Amino acid sequence: HGSVVIAAITSCTNTSNPSVMLGTALVAKKASELGLEVKPWVKTSLAPGSGVVTKYLLNSGLQKYFDQQGFHIVGYGCTTCI
């Protein structure tokens, strides 16, 4: 009786890709500034490659934009692999 949509932001534990994760956070920031919101039927998750990436996001003040868009940290590593 409806759609289920999954939106996951992940990063490999082997590479962590901190610059890509920070770039993605800037997209979340812009979306928040524009008033865009993830629809309630979309299941969101954020899995940075390592705890170091979390520190980058927190220290830069960008994690709050992921949180505003519903992308809360669910673990570390590529959730596709896990």
PDB file of N, CA and C in Angstrom:
ATOM      1  N   HIS A   1       0.805  -1.197   0.000  1.00  0.00           N
ATOM      2  CA  HIS A   1       0.000   0.000   0.000  1.00  0.00           C
ATOM      3  C   HIS A   1       0.849   1.262   0.000  1.00  0.00           C
ATOM      4  N   GLY A   2       2.096   1.139  -0.430  1.00  0.00           N
ATOM      5  CA  GLY A   2       2.955   2.317  -0.450  1.00  0.00           C
ATOM      6  C   GLY A   2       4.389   1.936  -0.742  1.00  0.00           C
ATOM      7  N   SER A   3       5.182   2.931  -0.866  1.00  0.00           N
ATOM      8  CA  SER A   3       6.592   2.726  -1.177  1.00  0.00           C
ATOM      9  C   SER A   3       7.441   2.843   0.076  1.00  0.00           C
ATOM     10  N   VAL A   4       8.526   2.113   0.076  1.00  0.00           N
ATOM     11  CA  VAL A   4       9.551   2.253   1.093  1.00  0.00           C
ATOM     12  C   VAL A   4      10.821   2.641   0.353  1.00  0.00           C
ATOM     13  N   VAL A   5      11.439   3.702   0.788  1.00  0.00           N
ATOM     14  CA  VAL A   5      12.640   4.199   0.124  1.00  0.00           C
ATOM     15  C   VAL A   5      13.776   4.230   1.134  1.00  0.00           C
ATOM     16  N   ILE A   6      14.942   3.770   0.713  1.00  0.00           N
ATOM     17  CA  ILE A   6      16.118   3.775   1.573  1.00  0.00           C
ATOM     18  C   ILE A   6      17.129   4.762   1.000  1.00  0.00           C
ATOM     19  N   ALA A   7      17.625   5.645   1.858  1.00  0.00           N
ATOM     20  CA  ALA A   7      18.671   6.594   1.474  1.00  0.00           C
ATOM     21  C   ALA A   7      19.814   6.437   2.463  1.00  0.00           C
ATOM     22  N   ALA A   8      20.917   5.871   2.012  1.00  0.00           N
ATOM     23  CA  ALA A   8      22.054   5.619   2.893  1.00  0.00           C
ATOM     24  C   ALA A   8      23.285   6.361   2.387  1.00  0.00           C
ATOM     25  N   ILE A   9      23.973   6.997   3.308  1.00  0.00           N
ATOM     26  CA  ILE A   9      25.258   7.621   3.012  1.00  0.00           C
ATOM     27  C   ILE A   9      26.297   6.773   3.716  1.00  0.00           C
ATOM     28  N   THR A  10      27.187   6.155   2.942  1.00  0.00           N
ATOM     29  CA  THR A  10      28.168   5.236   3.513  1.00  0.00           C
ATOM     30  C   THR A  10      29.554   5.541   2.980  1.00  0.00           C
ATOM     31  N   SER A  11      30.540   5.053   3.690  1.00  0.00           N
ATOM     32  CA  SER A  11      31.927   5.193   3.271  1.00  0.00           C
ATOM     33  C   SER A  11      32.675   3.936   3.675  1.00  0.00           C
ATOM     34  N   CYS A  12      33.537   3.474   2.820  1.00  0.00           N
ATOM     35  CA  CYS A  12      34.286   2.241   3.055  1.00  0.00           C
ATOM     36  C   CYS A  12      35.224   2.384   4.256  1.00  0.00           C
ATOM     37  N   THR A  13      35.341   1.342   5.052  1.00  0.00           N
ATOM     38  CA  THR A  13      36.254   1.380   6.203  1.00  0.00           C
ATOM     39  C   THR A  13      37.711   1.388   5.755  1.00  0.00           C
ATOM     40  N   ASN A  14      37.996   0.927   4.544  1.00  0.00           N
ATOM     41  CA  ASN A  14      39.380   0.900   4.069  1.00  0.00           C
ATOM     42  C   ASN A  14      39.894   2.283   3.684  1.00  0.00           C
ATOM     43  N   THR A  15      39.018   3.144   3.204  1.00  0.00           N
ATOM     44  CA  THR A  15      39.464   4.448   2.713  1.00  0.00           C
ATOM     45  C   THR A  15      38.899   5.614   3.512  1.00  0.00           C
ATOM     46  N   SER A  16      37.794   5.443   4.161  1.00  0.00           N
ATOM     47  CA  SER A  16      37.083   6.451   4.954  1.00  0.00           C
ATOM     48  C   SER A  16      36.574   7.635   4.128  1.00  0.00           C
ATOM     49  N   ASN A  17      37.293   8.053   3.103  1.00  0.00           N
ATOM     50  CA  ASN A  17      36.871   9.155   2.229  1.00  0.00           C
ATOM     51  C   ASN A  17      36.396  10.382   2.991  1.00  0.00           C
ATOM     52  N   PRO A  18      37.215  10.948   3.896  1.00  0.00           N
ATOM     53  CA  PRO A  18      36.744  12.091   4.678  1.00  0.00           C
ATOM     54  C   PRO A  18      36.358  13.292   3.819  1.00  0.00           C
ATOM     55  N   SER A  19      37.078  13.542   2.728  1.00  0.00           N
ATOM     56  CA  SER A  19      36.739  14.704   1.898  1.00  0.00           C
ATOM     57  C   SER A  19      35.387  14.524   1.220  1.00  0.00           C
ATOM     58  N   VAL A  20      35.069  13.304   0.812  1.00  0.00           N
ATOM     59  CA  VAL A  20      33.774  13.036   0.185  1.00  0.00           C
ATOM     60  C   VAL A  20      32.658  13.157   1.226  1.00  0.00           C
ATOM     61  N   MET A  21      32.908  12.655   2.431  1.00  0.00           N
ATOM     62  CA  MET A  21      31.898  12.747   3.486  1.00  0.00           C
ATOM     63  C   MET A  21      31.655  14.201   3.877  1.00  0.00           C
ATOM     64  N   LEU A  22      32.712  15.018   3.931  1.00  0.00           N
ATOM     65  CA  LEU A  22      32.536  16.438   4.243  1.00  0.00           C
ATOM     66  C   LEU A  22      31.779  17.136   3.110  1.00  0.00           C
ATOM     67  N   GLY A  23      32.070  16.745   1.866  1.00  0.00           N
ATOM     68  CA  GLY A  23      31.334  17.304   0.727  1.00  0.00           C
ATOM     69  C   GLY A  23      29.857  16.951   0.788  1.00  0.00           C
ATOM     70  N   THR A  24      29.563  15.730   1.174  1.00  0.00           N
ATOM     71  CA  THR A  24      28.180  15.300   1.316  1.00  0.00           C
ATOM     72  C   THR A  24      27.486  16.084   2.426  1.00  0.00           C
ATOM     73  N   ALA A  25      28.215  16.357   3.493  1.00  0.00           N
ATOM     74  CA  ALA A  25      27.658  17.153   4.587  1.00  0.00           C
ATOM     75  C   ALA A  25      27.334  18.570   4.121  1.00  0.00           C
ATOM     76  N   LEU A  26      28.151  19.108   3.206  1.00  0.00           N
ATOM     77  CA  LEU A  26      27.862  20.440   2.661  1.00  0.00           C
ATOM     78  C   LEU A  26      26.580  20.428   1.828  1.00  0.00           C
ATOM     79  N   VAL A  27      26.323  19.321   1.149  1.00  0.00           N
ATOM     80  CA  VAL A  27      25.061  19.178   0.410  1.00  0.00           C
ATOM     81  C   VAL A  27      23.892  19.152   1.392  1.00  0.00           C
ATOM     82  N   ALA A  28      24.054  18.425   2.505  1.00  0.00           N
ATOM     83  CA  ALA A  28      23.008  18.385   3.531  1.00  0.00           C
ATOM     84  C   ALA A  28      22.787  19.780   4.123  1.00  0.00           C
ATOM     85  N   LYS A  29      23.866  20.522   4.306  1.00  0.00           N
ATOM     86  CA  LYS A  29      23.764  21.896   4.820  1.00  0.00           C
ATOM     87  C   LYS A  29      22.950  22.762   3.866  1.00  0.00           C
ATOM     88  N   LYS A  30      23.263  22.680   2.583  1.00  0.00           N
ATOM     89  CA  LYS A  30      22.544  23.468   1.580  1.00  0.00           C
ATOM     90  C   LYS A  30      21.068  23.077   1.543  1.00  0.00           C
ATOM     91  N   ALA A  31      20.792  21.779   1.622  1.00  0.00           N
ATOM     92  CA  ALA A  31      19.403  21.310   1.631  1.00  0.00           C
ATOM     93  C   ALA A  31      18.660  21.883   2.837  1.00  0.00           C
ATOM     94  N   SER A  32      19.304  21.891   3.990  1.00  0.00           N
ATOM     95  CA  SER A  32      18.678  22.447   5.193  1.00  0.00           C
ATOM     96  C   SER A  32      18.422  23.936   5.031  1.00  0.00           C
ATOM     97  N   GLU A  33      19.394  24.645   4.476  1.00  0.00           N
ATOM     98  CA  GLU A  33      19.252  26.088   4.271  1.00  0.00           C
ATOM     99  C   GLU A  33      18.112  26.414   3.308  1.00  0.00           C
ATOM    100  N   LEU A  34      17.878  25.529   2.355  1.00  0.00           N
ATOM    101  CA  LEU A  34      16.798  25.722   1.382  1.00  0.00           C
ATOM    102  C   LEU A  34      15.443  25.241   1.912  1.00  0.00           C
ATOM    103  N   GLY A  35      15.447  24.663   3.103  1.00  0.00           N
ATOM    104  CA  GLY A  35      14.202  24.190   3.696  1.00  0.00           C
ATOM    105  C   GLY A  35      13.751  22.832   3.189  1.00  0.00           C
ATOM    106  N   LEU A  36      14.630  22.116   2.523  1.00  0.00           N
ATOM    107  CA  LEU A  36      14.284  20.774   2.031  1.00  0.00           C
ATOM    108  C   LEU A  36      14.294  19.788   3.181  1.00  0.00           C
ATOM    109  N   GLU A  37      13.396  18.828   3.127  1.00  0.00           N
ATOM    110  CA  GLU A  37      13.301  17.808   4.163  1.00  0.00           C
ATOM    111  C   GLU A  37      13.103  16.441   3.532  1.00  0.00           C
ATOM    112  N   VAL A  38      13.666  15.438   4.162  1.00  0.00           N
ATOM    113  CA  VAL A  38      13.462  14.058   3.719  1.00  0.00           C
ATOM    114  C   VAL A  38      12.051  13.656   4.094  1.00  0.00           C
ATOM    115  N   LYS A  39      11.353  13.034   3.185  1.00  0.00           N
ATOM    116  CA  LYS A  39       9.974  12.593   3.436  1.00  0.00           C
ATOM    117  C   LYS A  39       9.961  11.512   4.516  1.00  0.00           C
ATOM    118  N   PRO A  40       8.890  11.425   5.283  1.00  0.00           N
ATOM    119  CA  PRO A  40       8.847  10.486   6.401  1.00  0.00           C
ATOM    120  C   PRO A  40       8.894   9.015   5.998  1.00  0.00           C
ATOM    121  N   TRP A  41       8.583   8.688   4.775  1.00  0.00           N
ATOM    122  CA  TRP A  41       8.615   7.286   4.352  1.00  0.00           C
ATOM    123  C   TRP A  41      10.003   6.860   3.853  1.00  0.00           C
ATOM    124  N   VAL A  42      10.972   7.773   3.910  1.00  0.00           N
ATOM    125  CA  VAL A  42      12.338   7.451   3.507  1.00  0.00           C
ATOM    126  C   VAL A  42      13.140   7.071   4.747  1.00  0.00           C
ATOM    127  N   LYS A  43      13.703   5.864   4.741  1.00  0.00           N
ATOM    128  CA  LYS A  43      14.549   5.394   5.839  1.00  0.00           C
ATOM    129  C   LYS A  43      15.968   5.873   5.550  1.00  0.00           C
ATOM    130  N   THR A  44      16.502   6.715   6.434  1.00  0.00           N
ATOM    131  CA  THR A  44      17.830   7.283   6.223  1.00  0.00           C
ATOM    132  C   THR A  44      18.845   6.676   7.182  1.00  0.00           C
ATOM    133  N   SER A  45      20.108   6.652   6.754  1.00  0.00           N
ATOM    134  CA  SER A  45      21.189   6.206   7.631  1.00  0.00           C
ATOM    135  C   SER A  45      22.503   6.825   7.162  1.00  0.00           C
ATOM    136  N   LEU A  46      23.410   6.978   8.104  1.00  0.00           N
ATOM    137  CA  LEU A  46      24.742   7.518   7.838  1.00  0.00           C
ATOM    138  C   LEU A  46      25.764   6.586   8.455  1.00  0.00           C
ATOM    139  N   ALA A  47      26.692   6.092   7.645  1.00  0.00           N
ATOM    140  CA  ALA A  47      27.733   5.194   8.137  1.00  0.00           C
ATOM    141  C   ALA A  47      29.088   5.660   7.609  1.00  0.00           C
ATOM    142  N   PRO A  48      29.738   6.585   8.348  1.00  0.00           N
ATOM    143  CA  PRO A  48      31.069   7.025   7.927  1.00  0.00           C
ATOM    144  C   PRO A  48      32.059   5.866   7.985  1.00  0.00           C
ATOM    145  N   GLY A  49      33.145   5.983   7.267  1.00  0.00           N
ATOM    146  CA  GLY A  49      34.135   4.911   7.229  1.00  0.00           C
ATOM    147  C   GLY A  49      34.847   4.675   8.544  1.00  0.00           C
ATOM    148  N   SER A  50      34.951   5.723   9.373  1.00  0.00           N
ATOM    149  CA  SER A  50      35.642   5.560  10.643  1.00  0.00           C
ATOM    150  C   SER A  50      35.185   6.631  11.626  1.00  0.00           C
ATOM    151  N   GLY A  51      35.558   6.420  12.878  1.00  0.00           N
ATOM    152  CA  GLY A  51      35.251   7.403  13.901  1.00  0.00           C
ATOM    153  C   GLY A  51      35.944   8.733  13.663  1.00  0.00           C
ATOM    154  N   VAL A  52      37.069   8.704  12.956  1.00  0.00           N
ATOM    155  CA  VAL A  52      37.783   9.940  12.637  1.00  0.00           C
ATOM    156  C   VAL A  52      36.904  10.851  11.785  1.00  0.00           C
ATOM    157  N   VAL A  53      36.165  10.271  10.846  1.00  0.00           N
ATOM    158  CA  VAL A  53      35.263  11.065  10.006  1.00  0.00           C
ATOM    159  C   VAL A  53      34.188  11.723  10.877  1.00  0.00           C
ATOM    160  N   THR A  54      33.699  11.007  11.870  1.00  0.00           N
ATOM    161  CA  THR A  54      32.726  11.584  12.792  1.00  0.00           C
ATOM    162  C   THR A  54      33.320  12.802  13.489  1.00  0.00           C
ATOM    163  N   LYS A  55      34.577  12.706  13.896  1.00  0.00           N
ATOM    164  CA  LYS A  55      35.235  13.845  14.543  1.00  0.00           C
ATOM    165  C   LYS A  55      35.329  15.028  13.594  1.00  0.00           C
ATOM    166  N   TYR A  56      35.660  14.770  12.324  1.00  0.00           N
ATOM    167  CA  TYR A  56      35.692  15.854  11.327  1.00  0.00           C
ATOM    168  C   TYR A  56      34.331  16.521  11.223  1.00  0.00           C
ATOM    169  N   LEU A  57      33.290  15.704  11.153  1.00  0.00           N
ATOM    170  CA  LEU A  57      31.933  16.240  11.004  1.00  0.00           C
ATOM    171  C   LEU A  57      31.515  17.044  12.229  1.00  0.00           C
ATOM    172  N   LEU A  58      31.838  16.543  13.407  1.00  0.00           N
ATOM    173  CA  LEU A  58      31.481  17.251  14.637  1.00  0.00           C
ATOM    174  C   LEU A  58      32.292  18.540  14.790  1.00  0.00           C
ATOM    175  N   ASN A  59      33.607  18.451  14.574  1.00  0.00           N
ATOM    176  CA  ASN A  59      34.468  19.620  14.741  1.00  0.00           C
ATOM    177  C   ASN A  59      34.188  20.714  13.718  1.00  0.00           C
ATOM    178  N   SER A  60      33.722  20.334  12.549  1.00  0.00           N
ATOM    179  CA  SER A  60      33.405  21.321  11.508  1.00  0.00           C
ATOM    180  C   SER A  60      31.999  21.903  11.679  1.00  0.00           C
ATOM    181  N   GLY A  61      31.203  21.300  12.555  1.00  0.00           N
ATOM    182  CA  GLY A  61      29.828  21.753  12.758  1.00  0.00           C
ATOM    183  C   GLY A  61      28.870  21.251  11.687  1.00  0.00           C
ATOM    184  N   LEU A  62      29.309  20.301  10.877  1.00  0.00           N
ATOM    185  CA  LEU A  62      28.478  19.818   9.766  1.00  0.00           C
ATOM    186  C   LEU A  62      27.576  18.644  10.136  1.00  0.00           C
ATOM    187  N   GLN A  63      27.894  17.934  11.215  1.00  0.00           N
ATOM    188  CA  GLN A  63      27.063  16.782  11.594  1.00  0.00           C
ATOM    189  C   GLN A  63      25.618  17.205  11.836  1.00  0.00           C
ATOM    190  N   LYS A  64      25.425  18.421  12.350  1.00  0.00           N
ATOM    191  CA  LYS A  64      24.055  18.861  12.657  1.00  0.00           C
ATOM    192  C   LYS A  64      23.179  18.919  11.412  1.00  0.00           C
ATOM    193  N   TYR A  65      23.782  19.149  10.246  1.00  0.00           N
ATOM    194  CA  TYR A  65      22.992  19.195   9.007  1.00  0.00           C
ATOM    195  C   TYR A  65      22.583  17.793   8.569  1.00  0.00           C
ATOM    196  N   PHE A  66      23.453  16.812   8.774  1.00  0.00           N
ATOM    197  CA  PHE A  66      23.046  15.425   8.535  1.00  0.00           C
ATOM    198  C   PHE A  66      21.884  15.082   9.470  1.00  0.00           C
ATOM    199  N   ASP A  67      22.029  15.457  10.733  1.00  0.00           N
ATOM    200  CA  ASP A  67      20.972  15.172  11.718  1.00  0.00           C
ATOM    201  C   ASP A  67      19.653  15.833  11.327  1.00  0.00           C
ATOM    202  N   GLN A  68      19.715  17.092  10.881  1.00  0.00           N
ATOM    203  CA  GLN A  68      18.497  17.797  10.474  1.00  0.00           C
ATOM    204  C   GLN A  68      17.791  17.089   9.327  1.00  0.00           C
ATOM    205  N   GLN A  69      18.564  16.454   8.466  1.00  0.00           N
ATOM    206  CA  GLN A  69      17.986  15.744   7.327  1.00  0.00           C
ATOM    207  C   GLN A  69      17.636  14.293   7.667  1.00  0.00           C
ATOM    208  N   GLY A  70      17.879  13.884   8.910  1.00  0.00           N
ATOM    209  CA  GLY A  70      17.525  12.525   9.338  1.00  0.00           C
ATOM    210  C   GLY A  70      18.618  11.500   9.149  1.00  0.00           C
ATOM    211  N   PHE A  71      19.807  11.942   8.746  1.00  0.00           N
ATOM    212  CA  PHE A  71      20.922  11.015   8.540  1.00  0.00           C
ATOM    213  C   PHE A  71      21.756  10.941   9.816  1.00  0.00           C
ATOM    214  N   HIS A  72      21.339  10.062  10.717  1.00  0.00           N
ATOM    215  CA  HIS A  72      22.040   9.866  11.985  1.00  0.00           C
ATOM    216  C   HIS A  72      23.014   8.700  11.825  1.00  0.00           C
ATOM    217  N   ILE A  73      24.101   8.745  12.549  1.00  0.00           N
ATOM    218  CA  ILE A  73      25.117   7.690  12.449  1.00  0.00           C
ATOM    219  C   ILE A  73      24.553   6.384  12.997  1.00  0.00           C
ATOM    220  N   VAL A  74      24.620   5.351  12.156  1.00  0.00           N
ATOM    221  CA  VAL A  74      24.107   4.036  12.541  1.00  0.00           C
ATOM    222  C   VAL A  74      25.233   3.022  12.751  1.00  0.00           C
ATOM    223  N   GLY A  75      26.443   3.385  12.364  1.00  0.00           N
ATOM    224  CA  GLY A  75      27.579   2.487  12.479  1.00  0.00           C
ATOM    225  C   GLY A  75      28.720   3.017  11.639  1.00  0.00           C
ATOM    226  N   TYR A  76      29.754   2.204  11.485  1.00  0.00           N
ATOM    227  CA  TYR A  76      30.913   2.619  10.706  1.00  0.00           C
ATOM    228  C   TYR A  76      31.209   1.600   9.624  1.00  0.00           C
ATOM    229  N   GLY A  77      31.405   2.088   8.422  1.00  0.00           N
ATOM    230  CA  GLY A  77      31.723   1.222   7.307  1.00  0.00           C
ATOM    231  C   GLY A  77      30.615   1.220   6.277  1.00  0.00           C
ATOM    232  N   CYS A  78      30.917   0.595   5.183  1.00  0.00           N
ATOM    233  CA  CYS A  78      29.965   0.522   4.085  1.00  0.00           C
ATOM    234  C   CYS A  78      28.815  -0.409   4.486  1.00  0.00           C
ATOM    235  N   THR A  79      27.653   0.137   4.648  1.00  0.00           N
ATOM    236  CA  THR A  79      26.532  -0.686   5.095  1.00  0.00           C
ATOM    237  C   THR A  79      26.081  -1.662   4.007  1.00  0.00           C
ATOM    238  N   THR A  80      26.515  -1.441   2.782  1.00  0.00           N
ATOM    239  CA  THR A  80      26.238  -2.412   1.734  1.00  0.00           C
ATOM    240  C   THR A  80      27.019  -3.694   2.008  1.00  0.00           C
ATOM    241  N   CYS A  81      28.302  -3.540   2.369  1.00  0.00           N
ATOM    242  CA  CYS A  81      29.141  -4.699   2.662  1.00  0.00           C
ATOM    243  C   CYS A  81      28.676  -5.409   3.926  1.00  0.00           C
ATOM    244  N   ILE A  82      28.293  -4.627   4.914  1.00  0.00           N
ATOM    245  CA  ILE A  82      27.913  -5.207   6.199  1.00  0.00           C
ATOM    246  C   ILE A  82      26.576  -5.910   6.050  1.00  0.00           C
TER     247      ILE A  82
END
